[in-house]
Amino acid sequence: MAVPAVKSLAHLNAQDSLRVMALSSIFLAEEALSLPPEQRAELAKLLTESLREDRRTDDEIRAELQRRFADLKSGRDNGLSFEQTFGSKA
């Protein structure tokens, strides 16, 4: 199977918003653009969802994380298997 060609961001001019991006961000964008279409769509969905405003305070988030961690440690929550998390065996 052929490796998809990396779509370069070099064609963008200085007027583009990328001119203020850190070099590492440009590298990350080029890496993302080299993904197959299905993976780029999934990444785009993930990034878009991350922009939704979360009205919880840091203390509320911290309390939820502590509760969830306690549930995992106590066995009330079994968590997810590797296959459930990554979709395949190691």
C-alpha atoms as a PDB file:
ATOM      1  CA  MET A   1       0.000   0.000   0.000  1.00  0.00           C
ATOM      2  CA  ALA A   2       1.395   3.378  -0.978  1.00  0.00           C
ATOM      3  CA  VAL A   3       2.126   5.963   1.688  1.00  0.00           C
ATOM      4  CA  PRO A   4       0.021   9.110   1.132  1.00  0.00           C
ATOM      5  CA  ALA A   5       1.983  12.122   0.006  1.00  0.00           C
ATOM      6  CA  VAL A   6       2.429  14.884   2.566  1.00  0.00           C
ATOM      7  CA  LYS A   7       0.444  17.942   1.583  1.00  0.00           C
ATOM      8  CA  SER A   8       2.822  20.811   2.170  1.00  0.00           C
ATOM      9  CA  LEU A   9       1.780  24.098   3.697  1.00  0.00           C
ATOM     10  CA  ALA A  10       4.517  25.840   1.716  1.00  0.00           C
ATOM     11  CA  HIS A  11       1.950  27.138  -0.792  1.00  0.00           C
ATOM     12  CA  LEU A  12       0.415  29.428   1.839  1.00  0.00           C
ATOM     13  CA  ASN A  13       1.519  33.043   1.699  1.00  0.00           C
ATOM     14  CA  ALA A  14       2.441  35.406   4.534  1.00  0.00           C
ATOM     15  CA  GLN A  15      -1.123  36.703   4.707  1.00  0.00           C
ATOM     16  CA  ASP A  16      -2.363  33.398   6.036  1.00  0.00           C
ATOM     17  CA  SER A  17      -2.894  32.903   9.729  1.00  0.00           C
ATOM     18  CA  LEU A  18      -0.208  30.234   9.732  1.00  0.00           C
ATOM     19  CA  ARG A  19       2.470  32.906   9.638  1.00  0.00           C
ATOM     20  CA  VAL A  20       2.074  33.378  13.380  1.00  0.00           C
ATOM     21  CA  MET A  21       2.052  29.679  14.194  1.00  0.00           C
ATOM     22  CA  ALA A  22       5.020  28.159  15.933  1.00  0.00           C
ATOM     23  CA  LEU A  23       7.178  25.943  13.762  1.00  0.00           C
ATOM     24  CA  SER A  24       6.063  22.913  15.774  1.00  0.00           C
ATOM     25  CA  SER A  25       2.412  23.780  15.014  1.00  0.00           C
ATOM     26  CA  ILE A  26       3.147  23.948  11.286  1.00  0.00           C
ATOM     27  CA  PHE A  27       4.877  20.565  11.496  1.00  0.00           C
ATOM     28  CA  LEU A  28       1.861  19.165  13.342  1.00  0.00           C
ATOM     29  CA  ALA A  29      -0.497  20.584  10.690  1.00  0.00           C
ATOM     30  CA  GLU A  30       1.553  19.009   7.893  1.00  0.00           C
ATOM     31  CA  GLU A  31       1.519  15.674   9.717  1.00  0.00           C
ATOM     32  CA  ALA A  32      -2.261  15.901  10.137  1.00  0.00           C
ATOM     33  CA  LEU A  33      -2.712  16.705   6.455  1.00  0.00           C
ATOM     34  CA  SER A  34      -0.777  13.571   5.532  1.00  0.00           C
ATOM     35  CA  LEU A  35      -3.364  11.337   7.247  1.00  0.00           C
ATOM     36  CA  PRO A  36      -5.889   9.410   5.161  1.00  0.00           C
ATOM     37  CA  PRO A  37      -9.216  11.249   4.688  1.00  0.00           C
ATOM     38  CA  GLU A  38     -11.086   9.162   7.282  1.00  0.00           C
ATOM     39  CA  GLN A  39      -8.474   9.873   9.951  1.00  0.00           C
ATOM     40  CA  ARG A  40      -8.374  13.588   9.067  1.00  0.00           C
ATOM     41  CA  ALA A  41     -12.173  13.722   9.430  1.00  0.00           C
ATOM     42  CA  GLU A  42     -11.983  12.051  12.842  1.00  0.00           C
ATOM     43  CA  LEU A  43      -9.224  14.444  13.933  1.00  0.00           C
ATOM     44  CA  ALA A  44     -11.239  17.427  12.672  1.00  0.00           C
ATOM     45  CA  LYS A  45     -14.252  16.213  14.661  1.00  0.00           C
ATOM     46  CA  LEU A  46     -12.122  15.828  17.787  1.00  0.00           C
ATOM     47  CA  LEU A  47     -10.615  19.301  17.388  1.00  0.00           C
ATOM     48  CA  THR A  48     -14.005  20.893  16.719  1.00  0.00           C
ATOM     49  CA  GLU A  49     -15.497  19.254  19.788  1.00  0.00           C
ATOM     50  CA  SER A  50     -12.580  20.556  21.852  1.00  0.00           C
ATOM     51  CA  LEU A  51     -13.667  24.114  21.026  1.00  0.00           C
ATOM     52  CA  ARG A  52     -17.022  23.734  22.720  1.00  0.00           C
ATOM     53  CA  GLU A  53     -17.173  25.813  25.831  1.00  0.00           C
ATOM     54  CA  ASP A  54     -16.964  23.856  29.060  1.00  0.00           C
ATOM     55  CA  ARG A  55     -18.737  25.808  31.769  1.00  0.00           C
ATOM     56  CA  ARG A  56     -17.301  23.720  34.595  1.00  0.00           C
ATOM     57  CA  THR A  57     -14.763  25.268  36.936  1.00  0.00           C
ATOM     58  CA  ASP A  58     -11.329  23.774  37.449  1.00  0.00           C
ATOM     59  CA  ASP A  59     -12.459  22.575  40.886  1.00  0.00           C
ATOM     60  CA  GLU A  60     -15.497  20.815  39.367  1.00  0.00           C
ATOM     61  CA  ILE A  61     -13.348  19.116  36.740  1.00  0.00           C
ATOM     62  CA  ARG A  62     -10.770  18.119  39.362  1.00  0.00           C
ATOM     63  CA  ALA A  63     -13.521  16.651  41.595  1.00  0.00           C
ATOM     64  CA  GLU A  64     -14.939  14.640  38.671  1.00  0.00           C
ATOM     65  CA  LEU A  65     -11.498  13.304  37.749  1.00  0.00           C
ATOM     66  CA  GLN A  66     -10.805  12.331  41.355  1.00  0.00           C
ATOM     67  CA  ARG A  67     -14.180  10.555  41.560  1.00  0.00           C
ATOM     68  CA  ARG A  68     -13.572   8.694  38.316  1.00  0.00           C
ATOM     69  CA  PHE A  69     -10.063   7.690  39.387  1.00  0.00           C
ATOM     70  CA  ALA A  70     -11.436   6.436  42.725  1.00  0.00           C
ATOM     71  CA  ASP A  71     -14.055   4.407  40.813  1.00  0.00           C
ATOM     72  CA  LEU A  72     -11.296   2.795  38.738  1.00  0.00           C
ATOM     73  CA  LYS A  73      -9.137   2.025  41.772  1.00  0.00           C
ATOM     74  CA  SER A  74     -12.043   0.546  43.744  1.00  0.00           C
ATOM     75  CA  GLY A  75     -13.286  -1.585  40.851  1.00  0.00           C
ATOM     76  CA  ARG A  76     -16.669   0.178  40.594  1.00  0.00           C
ATOM     77  CA  ASP A  77     -15.587   1.046  37.051  1.00  0.00           C
ATOM     78  CA  ASN A  78     -13.583  -1.531  35.111  1.00  0.00           C
ATOM     79  CA  GLY A  79     -12.353   0.953  32.520  1.00  0.00           C
ATOM     80  CA  LEU A  80     -11.839  -0.068  28.909  1.00  0.00           C
ATOM     81  CA  SER A  81      -9.755  -2.857  27.453  1.00  0.00           C
ATOM     82  CA  PHE A  82      -6.939  -2.142  25.002  1.00  0.00           C
ATOM     83  CA  GLU A  83      -9.157  -3.391  22.168  1.00  0.00           C
ATOM     84  CA  GLN A  84     -12.039  -1.116  23.240  1.00  0.00           C
ATOM     85  CA  THR A  85      -9.717   1.845  23.431  1.00  0.00           C
ATOM     86  CA  PHE A  86      -7.601   1.317  20.324  1.00  0.00           C
ATOM     87  CA  GLY A  87      -9.767  -0.995  18.223  1.00  0.00           C
ATOM     88  CA  SER A  88      -7.193  -3.775  17.858  1.00  0.00           C
ATOM     89  CA  LYS A  89      -4.873  -6.013  19.808  1.00  0.00           C
ATOM     90  CA  ALA A  90      -1.365  -4.879  20.667  1.00  0.00           C
END
